[in-house]
Amino acid sequence: MALGRSSVFPERVPTVRELLAAGGRSFSFEFFPPKTDEGERQLWRAIRELEALRPTFVSVTYGAGGGTRDRTVEIVERLAHETTLTPVAHFTAVNHSLRELRHLIGRFAGAGVRNILAVRGDPPGDVTGEWIRHPEGVQYAEELVRLIRQSGDFCVGVAAFPYKHPRSTSVEADTEHFVRKCRAGADYAITQMFFRAEDYLRLRDRVTARGCETPIIPGIMPVTQMSTIARSEQLSGAPFPPEVAARFEAVAHDPAAVRDLGIEHAAELCQTLLDEGAPGIHFITFNRSSATREVFQALDVTTGADDRLAV
């Protein structure tokens, strides 16, 4: 077990805002709260293996409807106390009153967690179902951003959608929603997964055209099996690019070739994004470390021992 920050890093834990402002590129990993004991063991194996890469930060998702709230908080607390990692806690408004939201913010603060990713969240049960506001809660992510910023010295991230949010009426409306979240106090954004660099670059151009300079970190998930393609469409709400799908369909009969192509494609995508000035890469791991490590090792970057993959 790695020594905790209390004994190794007694100084103030940095925020993602500060890490990005240092001028380097950010490399981070996303985990989700497991539902079983074996899943818990797998999660912590992945965390320990990826900790050795000294990521800028790691994030922990929050299940639909707040279903994994307690596990999310517990994992974030453990990351803060038992590892050298900077944790970011995902935080949603679904099924939570303002009182509950303030209580959770206080719990994060008590654990020394200063980085929160504010997302409105998906409805419980059916992510495509109607979103219903808690009668004593908030309606939009921008309200959640304001609540967190008013509650203390927190760094707040938000979600961005290269295609557009499934519930947005248009790309233009989605962009306006994003800019409002930034103006409400968001320090940075992480995108939903995507598989074509142009989608990220168009998002960045749309946001910049509205006078918003909030850093947008691309969220990348390597395709390691054919089922990942359908899963990505369900999770992101965006169609999988047909030209990319064709590359995978050509080797669909060979699982090993699919995985190799997935690593190659993700590395190509990440390198293009970095060359185009993206502030870093946020890897969606699904609590597995091997594919993420292989993609990172294929990138043309160098790291320093003192800056946690900031290059």
Foldseek 3Di string as FASTA:
>chain_A
DAAACVVVPVDQDDEVLVLLVVPFFFEEEEEEQDDDPVLVVLLVVQVVVCVVLQGLAYEYEADAQNPCVVSQLVVQLCCNTGGPHQYEYEDEFHPDALVRLLVSLVSCVVSSRQHYEFANGAHPPASPDDGDGDPRTDDGSLVVLLSSVVNDRHAYEYEAELQAALPDPDPLRRLVSVLSSVVSPHQAYEYQEAQALVSVVVSVVSNVVVVDDRAYAYEYEFFQAPVVQVVSCSRRVDHHDPVLVVVLVVCNVPSVVNRVVSLVSRLVSQQVCVVVPHSYYYYHANSHNDSVVSSVVSHPDDDDPPSRRGD
